[in-house]
C-alpha atoms as a PDB file:
ATOM      1  CA  MET A   1    -168.128 121.370-111.609  1.00  0.00           C
ATOM      2  CA  GLY A   2    -171.308 122.836-111.855  1.00  0.00           C
ATOM      3  CA  ARG A   3    -174.959 122.547-113.258  1.00  0.00           C
ATOM      4  CA  VAL A   4    -176.921 123.843-116.238  1.00  0.00           C
ATOM      5  CA  TYR A   5    -180.703 123.513-116.146  1.00  0.00           C
ATOM      6  CA  THR A   6    -182.308 123.515-119.718  1.00  0.00           C
ATOM      7  CA  PHE A   7    -186.340 124.556-120.325  1.00  0.00           C
ATOM      8  CA  THR A   8    -187.264 123.020-123.907  1.00  0.00           C
ATOM      9  CA  HIS A   9    -190.634 123.962-125.033  1.00  0.00           C
ATOM     10  CA  ASP A  10    -192.444 120.964-126.194  1.00  0.00           C
ATOM     11  CA  GLU A  11    -194.159 122.016-129.311  1.00  0.00           C
ATOM     12  CA  SER A  12    -191.174 124.381-131.035  1.00  0.00           C
ATOM     13  CA  GLY A  13    -188.005 122.644-129.565  1.00  0.00           C
ATOM     14  CA  LEU A  14    -186.911 125.878-128.145  1.00  0.00           C
ATOM     15  CA  SER A  15    -184.550 125.833-125.159  1.00  0.00           C
ATOM     16  CA  PHE A  16    -183.446 128.390-122.702  1.00  0.00           C
ATOM     17  CA  THR A  17    -180.708 127.560-120.141  1.00  0.00           C
ATOM     18  CA  CYS A  18    -179.457 128.579-116.891  1.00  0.00           C
ATOM     19  CA  ASP A  19    -176.566 128.265-114.936  1.00  0.00           C
ATOM     20  CA  ARG A  20    -176.797 130.175-112.049  1.00  0.00           C
ATOM     21  CA  THR A  21    -177.051 128.235-108.909  1.00  0.00           C
ATOM     22  CA  ASP A  22    -176.675 128.736-105.325  1.00  0.00           C
ATOM     23  CA  GLY A  23    -173.762 126.853-104.157  1.00  0.00           C
ATOM     24  CA  GLY A  24    -171.246 124.245-106.224  1.00  0.00           C
ATOM     25  CA  LEU A  25    -171.328 120.757-106.248  1.00  0.00           C
ATOM     26  CA  ALA A  26    -168.109 121.093-103.780  1.00  0.00           C
ATOM     27  CA  GLN A  27    -170.607 121.615-101.087  1.00  0.00           C
ATOM     28  CA  TRP A  28    -172.401 118.594-101.661  1.00  0.00           C
ATOM     29  CA  THR A  29    -171.349 115.754 -99.382  1.00  0.00           C
ATOM     30  CA  ARG A  30    -170.625 112.089-100.865  1.00  0.00           C
ATOM     31  CA  GLY A  31    -173.111 109.720 -99.730  1.00  0.00           C
ATOM     32  CA  THR A  32    -175.754 112.218 -98.918  1.00  0.00           C
ATOM     33  CA  TYR A  33    -179.128 113.161-100.561  1.00  0.00           C
ATOM     34  CA  ARG A  34    -179.986 116.818-101.995  1.00  0.00           C
ATOM     35  CA  TYR A  35    -183.608 117.601-102.234  1.00  0.00           C
ATOM     36  CA  ALA A  36    -183.749 120.993-103.385  1.00  0.00           C
ATOM     37  CA  ASP A  37    -181.223 123.142-105.979  1.00  0.00           C
ATOM     38  CA  ARG A  38    -182.023 126.527-107.354  1.00  0.00           C
ATOM     39  CA  CYS A  39    -181.334 128.236-110.431  1.00  0.00           C
ATOM     40  CA  VAL A  40    -182.784 131.651-110.825  1.00  0.00           C
ATOM     41  CA  PHE A  41    -184.190 132.254-114.192  1.00  0.00           C
ATOM     42  CA  ARG A  42    -186.832 134.303-116.056  1.00  0.00           C
ATOM     43  CA  PHE A  43    -188.277 133.534-119.435  1.00  0.00           C
ATOM     44  CA  PRO A  44    -187.690 136.306-121.978  1.00  0.00           C
ATOM     45  CA  GLU A  45    -190.852 138.244-122.746  1.00  0.00           C
ATOM     46  CA  ASN A  46    -190.699 136.873-126.282  1.00  0.00           C
ATOM     47  CA  ALA A  47    -190.941 132.923-124.830  1.00  0.00           C
ATOM     48  CA  PRO A  48    -193.998 130.750-125.996  1.00  0.00           C
ATOM     49  CA  THR A  49    -196.303 130.012-123.786  1.00  0.00           C
ATOM     50  CA  GLY A  50    -197.001 126.027-123.252  1.00  0.00           C
ATOM     51  CA  ALA A  51    -194.958 123.181-121.505  1.00  0.00           C
ATOM     52  CA  TYR A  52    -191.436 123.172-121.241  1.00  0.00           C
ATOM     53  CA  GLU A  53    -189.280 119.914-120.204  1.00  0.00           C
ATOM     54  CA  VAL A  54    -186.545 120.693-117.479  1.00  0.00           C
ATOM     55  CA  SER A  55    -183.384 118.678-117.350  1.00  0.00           C
ATOM     56  CA  VAL A  56    -180.259 119.051-115.884  1.00  0.00           C
ATOM     57  CA  ALA A  57    -176.702 118.158-116.607  1.00  0.00           C
ATOM     58  CA  ILE A  58    -173.939 118.047-114.345  1.00  0.00           C
ATOM     59  CA  LEU A  59    -170.685 119.806-115.951  1.00  0.00           C
ATOM     60  CA  ALA A  60    -166.888 118.752-115.596  1.00  0.00           C
ATOM     61  CA  ALA A  61    -164.353 121.329-115.021  1.00  0.00           C
ATOM     62  CA  ASP A  62    -163.867 121.951-118.332  1.00  0.00           C
ATOM     63  CA  GLY A  63    -167.631 122.792-118.665  1.00  0.00           C
ATOM     64  CA  THR A  64    -168.368 119.533-120.806  1.00  0.00           C
ATOM     65  CA  PRO A  65    -171.385 117.684-119.855  1.00  0.00           C
ATOM     66  CA  LEU A  66    -170.920 114.603-117.586  1.00  0.00           C
ATOM     67  CA  PRO A  67    -172.357 111.061-119.233  1.00  0.00           C
ATOM     68  CA  ALA A  68    -176.283 110.897-118.129  1.00  0.00           C
ATOM     69  CA  PHE A  69    -178.281 107.621-118.612  1.00  0.00           C
ATOM     70  CA  GLY A  70    -182.128 106.664-119.241  1.00  0.00           C
ATOM     71  CA  PRO A  71    -183.909 104.087-117.160  1.00  0.00           C
ATOM     72  CA  ASP A  72    -182.764 101.519-120.077  1.00  0.00           C
ATOM     73  CA  GLY A  73    -179.468 102.531-119.757  1.00  0.00           C
ATOM     74  CA  ALA A  74    -179.522 104.292-122.884  1.00  0.00           C
ATOM     75  CA  PRO A  75    -177.413 107.628-122.919  1.00  0.00           C
ATOM     76  CA  LEU A  76    -179.121 110.825-122.563  1.00  0.00           C
ATOM     77  CA  PRO A  77    -178.164 113.576-125.199  1.00  0.00           C
ATOM     78  CA  ASP A  78    -175.973 116.189-123.729  1.00  0.00           C
ATOM     79  CA  GLY A  79    -175.902 114.510-120.539  1.00  0.00           C
ATOM     80  CA  GLN A  80    -179.415 116.195-119.732  1.00  0.00           C
ATOM     81  CA  LEU A  81    -181.402 114.087-117.305  1.00  0.00           C
ATOM     82  CA  PRO A  82    -185.277 115.352-117.603  1.00  0.00           C
ATOM     83  CA  VAL A  83    -186.625 116.202-114.145  1.00  0.00           C
ATOM     84  CA  GLY A  84    -190.156 117.387-114.587  1.00  0.00           C
ATOM     85  CA  LEU A  85    -192.377 119.900-116.669  1.00  0.00           C
ATOM     86  CA  VAL A  86    -193.268 123.715-116.106  1.00  0.00           C
ATOM     87  CA  THR A  87    -195.950 125.563-118.012  1.00  0.00           C
ATOM     88  CA  LEU A  88    -195.635 129.107-119.042  1.00  0.00           C
ATOM     89  CA  GLN A  89    -198.744 130.912-119.337  1.00  0.00           C
END
């Protein structure tokens, strides 16, 4: 199992992904909290500036995203859970 981070440009909908993380989910212990995770990523030179929504999906062993649900219980597209915003200048 792994993780994929997606950066989606608010205005254009263009997205970039990062699946390079330090450490696999096997290192996580059930019942404990993980406060930080890292994905080393550089936006391409031609990436549009502006706000990007950051989301993360947990992947099953076969590479498909596990289901994720919003606060209202509705399924989230592609298992992508929004986690924040970044601004590219």
